[in-house]
């Protein structure tokens, strides 16, 4: 799987539009939490099991 870098504010914009891409939590900087709630990142985590 390819990995792409996406700024947190654009990711949040995509989430609100219902099209957020999956997140590699281990590659996500803690500063992202200024823009995105942890729960939203965890919901879209690559290793998330519903």
N, C-alpha and C. Protein backbone atom coordinates (compact mmCIF):
# COMPACT_ATOMS: atom_id res chain seq x y z
N UNK A 1 0.85 -1.18 0.00
CA UNK A 1 0.00 0.00 0.00
C UNK A 1 0.89 1.24 0.00
N UNK A 2 0.54 2.20 -0.81
CA UNK A 2 1.24 3.48 -0.83
C UNK A 2 0.85 4.31 0.37
N UNK A 3 1.76 5.13 0.82
CA UNK A 3 1.47 6.08 1.90
C UNK A 3 1.69 7.48 1.38
N UNK A 4 0.78 8.36 1.73
CA UNK A 4 0.84 9.74 1.31
C UNK A 4 0.80 10.64 2.53
N UNK A 5 1.45 11.78 2.43
CA UNK A 5 1.42 12.77 3.49
C UNK A 5 0.26 13.73 3.23
N UNK A 6 -0.52 13.97 4.25
CA UNK A 6 -1.66 14.89 4.13
C UNK A 6 -1.70 15.73 5.39
N UNK A 7 -1.80 17.05 5.22
CA UNK A 7 -1.84 17.90 6.41
C UNK A 7 -3.14 17.65 7.17
N UNK A 8 -3.06 17.84 8.47
CA UNK A 8 -4.18 17.53 9.36
C UNK A 8 -5.43 18.32 9.02
N UNK A 9 -5.28 19.58 8.66
CA UNK A 9 -6.47 20.39 8.36
C UNK A 9 -7.19 19.88 7.12
N UNK A 10 -6.44 19.43 6.11
CA UNK A 10 -7.07 18.87 4.90
C UNK A 10 -7.71 17.52 5.19
N UNK A 11 -7.06 16.74 6.05
CA UNK A 11 -7.65 15.45 6.43
C UNK A 11 -8.98 15.68 7.13
N UNK A 12 -9.02 16.65 8.04
CA UNK A 12 -10.26 16.96 8.77
C UNK A 12 -11.33 17.45 7.80
N UNK A 13 -10.93 18.23 6.82
CA UNK A 13 -11.88 18.69 5.80
C UNK A 13 -12.46 17.49 5.05
N UNK A 14 -11.62 16.54 4.70
CA UNK A 14 -12.08 15.33 4.01
C UNK A 14 -13.00 14.50 4.91
N UNK A 15 -12.66 14.41 6.18
CA UNK A 15 -13.51 13.66 7.12
C UNK A 15 -14.89 14.26 7.20
N UNK A 16 -14.96 15.57 7.29
CA UNK A 16 -16.25 16.24 7.37
C UNK A 16 -17.07 16.05 6.10
N UNK A 17 -16.39 15.87 4.98
CA UNK A 17 -17.06 15.61 3.70
C UNK A 17 -17.38 14.13 3.51
N UNK A 18 -16.95 13.30 4.48
CA UNK A 18 -17.24 11.88 4.41
C UNK A 18 -16.28 11.08 3.54
N UNK A 19 -15.11 11.63 3.24
CA UNK A 19 -14.16 10.95 2.35
C UNK A 19 -12.75 10.90 2.93
N UNK A 20 -12.63 10.81 4.25
CA UNK A 20 -11.30 10.78 4.88
C UNK A 20 -10.56 9.51 4.51
N UNK A 21 -9.30 9.63 4.14
CA UNK A 21 -8.50 8.44 3.85
C UNK A 21 -8.07 7.76 5.15
N UNK A 22 -7.64 6.51 5.05
CA UNK A 22 -7.14 5.81 6.24
C UNK A 22 -5.91 6.50 6.80
N UNK A 23 -5.66 6.28 8.09
CA UNK A 23 -4.56 6.93 8.79
C UNK A 23 -3.59 5.89 9.35
N UNK A 24 -2.30 6.10 9.11
CA UNK A 24 -1.27 5.30 9.75
C UNK A 24 -0.93 6.00 11.06
N UNK A 25 -1.53 5.55 12.15
CA UNK A 25 -1.37 6.24 13.43
C UNK A 25 0.09 6.36 13.85
N UNK A 26 0.89 5.32 13.59
CA UNK A 26 2.29 5.36 14.00
C UNK A 26 3.09 6.41 13.23
N UNK A 27 2.55 6.90 12.11
CA UNK A 27 3.22 7.92 11.31
C UNK A 27 2.58 9.30 11.48
N UNK A 28 1.64 9.41 12.40
CA UNK A 28 0.91 10.67 12.59
C UNK A 28 1.52 11.46 13.74
N UNK A 29 1.87 12.70 13.48
CA UNK A 29 2.50 13.55 14.49
C UNK A 29 1.48 13.99 15.53
N UNK A 30 1.91 14.10 16.76
CA UNK A 30 1.03 14.51 17.87
C UNK A 30 0.42 15.88 17.64
N UNK A 31 1.09 16.75 16.90
CA UNK A 31 0.56 18.09 16.64
C UNK A 31 -0.73 18.04 15.81
N UNK A 32 -1.00 16.92 15.18
CA UNK A 32 -2.25 16.76 14.41
C UNK A 32 -3.47 16.92 15.30
N UNK A 33 -3.28 16.63 16.58
CA UNK A 33 -4.40 16.71 17.52
C UNK A 33 -4.88 18.14 17.75
N UNK A 34 -4.15 19.11 17.24
CA UNK A 34 -4.61 20.50 17.29
C UNK A 34 -5.78 20.71 16.33
N UNK A 35 -5.88 19.85 15.33
CA UNK A 35 -6.88 20.01 14.27
C UNK A 35 -7.90 18.88 14.21
N UNK A 36 -7.51 17.72 14.70
CA UNK A 36 -8.33 16.52 14.55
C UNK A 36 -8.46 15.84 15.91
N UNK A 37 -9.66 15.39 16.23
CA UNK A 37 -9.87 14.66 17.48
C UNK A 37 -9.26 13.26 17.37
N UNK A 38 -8.63 12.83 18.44
CA UNK A 38 -7.98 11.51 18.47
C UNK A 38 -8.96 10.41 18.06
N UNK A 39 -10.19 10.50 18.53
CA UNK A 39 -11.18 9.47 18.22
C UNK A 39 -11.42 9.36 16.72
N UNK A 40 -11.40 10.48 16.02
CA UNK A 40 -11.60 10.45 14.57
C UNK A 40 -10.43 9.76 13.88
N UNK A 41 -9.22 10.05 14.33
CA UNK A 41 -8.05 9.38 13.76
C UNK A 41 -8.11 7.88 14.02
N UNK A 42 -8.47 7.51 15.24
CA UNK A 42 -8.54 6.09 15.59
C UNK A 42 -9.61 5.36 14.78
N UNK A 43 -10.72 6.03 14.51
CA UNK A 43 -11.78 5.42 13.71
C UNK A 43 -11.31 5.12 12.29
N UNK A 44 -10.41 5.95 11.78
CA UNK A 44 -9.91 5.78 10.41
C UNK A 44 -8.54 5.12 10.35
N UNK A 45 -8.10 4.55 11.45
CA UNK A 45 -6.78 3.92 11.50
C UNK A 45 -6.71 2.72 10.56
N UNK A 46 -5.56 2.54 9.94
CA UNK A 46 -5.36 1.40 9.04
C UNK A 46 -5.58 0.07 9.74
N UNK A 47 -5.22 0.00 11.00
CA UNK A 47 -5.35 -1.25 11.74
C UNK A 47 -6.62 -1.32 12.57
N UNK A 48 -7.57 -0.43 12.31
CA UNK A 48 -8.82 -0.38 13.07
C UNK A 48 -9.70 -1.58 12.72
N UNK A 49 -10.19 -2.23 13.73
CA UNK A 49 -11.12 -3.35 13.54
C UNK A 49 -12.50 -2.92 14.03
N UNK A 50 -13.49 -2.87 13.13
CA UNK A 50 -14.84 -2.42 13.52
C UNK A 50 -15.50 -3.32 14.54
